[in-house]
Amino acid sequence: MPNQFNAQRYVTRGVNETVSPELQLTLWALVDEQVRNGLEMDYLQVFDLSIGEVHGRKVQKVVHRQEQPERRKVTLLPGIRKPVTMTVWIIDSGDYATMLLPSEY
């Protein structure tokens, strides 16, 4: 059965302490968008977050990727107040999906 990320969702303490609620919701929404579009989803979704620039203003850059099947999408988010540089994972176990930092795995 393909991983569809439609189960109960959890966020680890590390994510809660370092990733703003607005950015957490945005990452979940990026996963939901791919599910809605019927794309095949890997159980591991990777978000490489960095600070980008658009018209001289800092924005949150999100590189959303997965390995199987290989896919990569870049999104710039000008509405995020405090852009961060880090990697966040969302793992779907089937029974639940968890947003976590790689160091918490």
Protein backbone atom coordinates (compact mmCIF):
# COMPACT_ATOMS: atom_id res chain seq x y z
CA MET A 1 0.00 0.00 0.00
CA PRO A 2 1.43 3.40 -0.91
CA ASN A 3 2.22 5.82 1.87
CA GLN A 4 -0.45 8.49 1.81
CA PHE A 5 0.29 10.54 4.94
CA ASN A 6 -3.38 10.58 5.92
CA ALA A 7 -2.99 9.07 9.40
CA GLN A 8 -2.65 10.82 12.76
CA ARG A 9 0.14 13.43 12.71
CA TYR A 10 2.77 14.14 15.33
CA VAL A 11 5.56 16.67 15.76
CA THR A 12 8.61 16.03 17.93
CA ARG A 13 9.85 18.32 20.69
CA GLY A 14 12.89 19.30 18.58
CA VAL A 15 10.69 20.50 15.73
CA ASN A 16 8.39 22.37 18.13
CA GLU A 17 11.39 24.15 19.64
CA THR A 18 13.06 25.13 16.35
CA VAL A 19 10.42 25.37 13.60
CA SER A 20 7.66 27.97 13.80
CA PRO A 21 4.06 26.71 13.82
CA GLU A 22 3.41 28.53 10.52
CA LEU A 23 6.33 26.74 8.86
CA GLN A 24 5.26 23.38 10.31
CA LEU A 25 1.80 23.84 8.79
CA THR A 26 3.36 24.81 5.47
CA LEU A 27 5.49 21.63 5.37
CA TRP A 28 2.42 19.47 6.06
CA ALA A 29 0.58 21.38 3.32
CA LEU A 30 3.37 20.64 0.82
CA VAL A 31 2.97 16.91 1.54
CA ASP A 32 -0.84 17.20 1.30
CA GLU A 33 -0.54 18.93 -2.08
CA GLN A 34 1.46 16.03 -3.53
CA VAL A 35 -0.99 13.48 -2.11
CA ARG A 36 -3.94 15.43 -3.60
CA ASN A 37 -2.16 15.48 -6.96
CA GLY A 38 -1.96 11.68 -6.85
CA LEU A 39 1.83 11.52 -6.79
CA GLU A 40 3.52 8.37 -5.50
CA MET A 41 4.89 9.12 -2.06
CA ASP A 42 8.01 7.74 -0.38
CA TYR A 43 7.59 7.04 3.35
CA LEU A 44 10.35 9.63 3.98
CA GLN A 45 9.79 13.23 2.92
CA VAL A 46 12.83 15.50 3.29
CA PHE A 47 12.69 19.28 3.62
CA ASP A 48 15.96 21.17 3.26
CA LEU A 49 15.27 24.64 4.66
CA SER A 50 17.50 27.62 3.93
CA ILE A 51 17.31 31.38 3.66
CA GLY A 52 16.79 32.72 0.16
CA GLU A 53 16.35 36.19 -1.22
CA VAL A 54 13.69 37.70 -3.47
CA HIS A 55 13.93 41.37 -4.47
CA GLY A 56 16.37 42.04 -1.63
CA ARG A 57 14.15 40.47 1.05
CA LYS A 58 14.87 37.30 3.00
CA VAL A 59 12.50 34.41 2.31
CA GLN A 60 12.24 30.83 3.47
CA LYS A 61 13.53 28.47 0.77
CA VAL A 62 12.19 24.92 0.98
CA VAL A 63 13.62 22.08 -1.09
CA HIS A 64 11.10 19.24 -0.71
CA ARG A 65 12.49 15.91 -1.91
CA GLN A 66 12.11 12.17 -1.75
CA GLU A 67 14.14 9.21 -3.02
CA GLN A 68 11.56 6.69 -4.33
CA PRO A 69 10.41 7.74 -6.83
CA GLU A 70 12.96 10.52 -7.01
CA ARG A 71 11.36 13.94 -6.90
CA ARG A 72 12.48 17.45 -5.92
CA LYS A 73 10.49 20.67 -5.68
CA VAL A 74 11.74 24.11 -4.64
CA THR A 75 9.35 26.56 -2.98
CA LEU A 76 10.05 30.13 -1.82
CA LEU A 77 7.92 31.34 1.09
CA PRO A 78 8.01 35.12 1.56
CA GLY A 79 5.41 35.02 4.37
CA ILE A 80 7.60 33.20 6.92
CA ARG A 81 8.70 35.75 9.54
CA LYS A 82 11.86 34.00 10.73
CA PRO A 83 13.45 31.87 7.99
CA VAL A 84 15.65 29.03 9.24
CA THR A 85 18.40 26.80 7.90
CA MET A 86 17.96 23.12 8.80
CA THR A 87 16.63 19.80 7.57
CA VAL A 88 13.25 18.43 8.65
CA TRP A 89 11.86 14.97 7.91
CA ILE A 90 8.30 13.72 7.78
CA ILE A 91 8.09 9.93 8.11
CA ASP A 92 4.90 7.97 7.41
CA SER A 93 4.71 4.70 9.38
CA GLY A 94 1.25 3.82 8.09
CA ASP A 95 -0.38 4.25 11.51
CA TYR A 96 0.88 7.80 11.98
CA ALA A 97 3.11 10.45 10.39
CA THR A 98 5.82 12.23 12.38
CA MET A 99 7.65 15.48 11.66
CA LEU A 100 11.11 15.30 13.20
CA LEU A 101 14.68 16.51 12.98
CA PRO A 102 17.21 14.01 11.58
CA SER A 103 19.06 14.12 14.92
CA GLU A 104 15.91 12.80 16.64
CA TYR A 105 15.72 9.64 14.51
